[in-house]
């Protein structure tokens, strides 16, 4: 798992995972994602590897 920070133009985004769960991340927020998904998002340019492991977003699993 890698922790990434969203830097894109939107106030927030929802990241669907192959498992069916999703994560919501606000701009400048961080989220921990599987390595392959994190690498793909970083390659798109709106995400970067986080310098801290402090998560500021939550998974929909947290609401169950």
Protein backbone atom coordinates (compact mmCIF):
# COMPACT_ATOMS: atom_id res chain seq x y z
CA UNK A 1 0.00 0.00 0.00
CA UNK A 2 1.13 3.54 -0.78
CA UNK A 3 -0.13 6.81 0.62
CA UNK A 4 -0.80 9.42 -2.05
CA UNK A 5 -1.92 13.06 -2.02
CA UNK A 6 -4.53 14.43 -4.44
CA UNK A 7 -3.45 17.70 -6.10
CA UNK A 8 -6.02 17.93 -8.89
CA UNK A 9 -8.45 20.66 -9.88
CA UNK A 10 -11.55 19.27 -8.11
CA UNK A 11 -12.50 19.87 -4.48
CA UNK A 12 -12.53 16.10 -4.04
CA UNK A 13 -12.66 12.81 -5.91
CA UNK A 14 -14.01 9.31 -5.37
CA UNK A 15 -11.64 6.45 -6.17
CA UNK A 16 -13.38 3.14 -6.87
CA UNK A 17 -11.40 0.02 -6.00
CA UNK A 18 -11.66 -3.32 -7.82
CA UNK A 19 -13.04 -4.84 -4.60
CA UNK A 20 -16.15 -2.67 -4.91
CA UNK A 21 -15.15 -0.32 -2.09
CA UNK A 22 -14.27 3.29 -2.78
CA UNK A 23 -12.26 6.07 -1.17
CA UNK A 24 -13.10 9.75 -1.08
CA UNK A 25 -10.20 12.18 -1.09
CA UNK A 26 -10.32 15.97 -0.81
CA UNK A 27 -7.84 18.21 -2.60
CA UNK A 28 -4.56 18.17 -0.67
CA UNK A 29 -5.83 15.15 1.27
CA UNK A 30 -4.12 11.78 1.42
CA UNK A 31 -5.35 8.24 0.98
CA UNK A 32 -3.68 4.83 1.21
CA UNK A 33 -4.19 2.73 -1.93
CA UNK A 34 -2.87 -0.50 -3.41
CA UNK A 35 0.57 0.03 -5.00
CA UNK A 36 -0.55 -0.51 -8.60
CA UNK A 37 -3.48 1.92 -8.32
CA UNK A 38 -1.34 4.53 -6.54
CA UNK A 39 1.33 4.27 -9.26
CA UNK A 40 -1.32 4.69 -11.98
CA UNK A 41 -2.75 7.81 -10.31
CA UNK A 42 0.71 9.32 -9.79
CA UNK A 43 1.47 8.76 -13.49
CA UNK A 44 -1.62 10.82 -14.41
CA UNK A 45 -0.13 13.89 -12.74
CA UNK A 46 -2.89 14.92 -10.31
CA UNK A 47 -1.43 12.80 -7.50
CA UNK A 48 1.93 12.52 -5.73
CA UNK A 49 3.44 10.16 -3.21
CA UNK A 50 2.62 11.53 0.24
CA UNK A 51 5.43 12.63 2.52
CA UNK A 52 3.46 11.53 5.57
CA UNK A 53 1.40 8.48 6.37
CA UNK A 54 -1.34 10.50 8.12
CA UNK A 55 -4.61 9.76 6.33
CA UNK A 56 -7.08 12.62 5.97
CA UNK A 57 -9.74 10.67 4.11
CA UNK A 58 -11.82 7.63 4.87
CA UNK A 59 -12.90 4.50 3.12
CA UNK A 60 -16.55 3.59 2.80
CA UNK A 61 -15.47 0.52 4.81
CA UNK A 62 -15.03 2.90 7.78
CA UNK A 63 -18.75 3.72 7.67
CA UNK A 64 -19.90 0.11 8.04
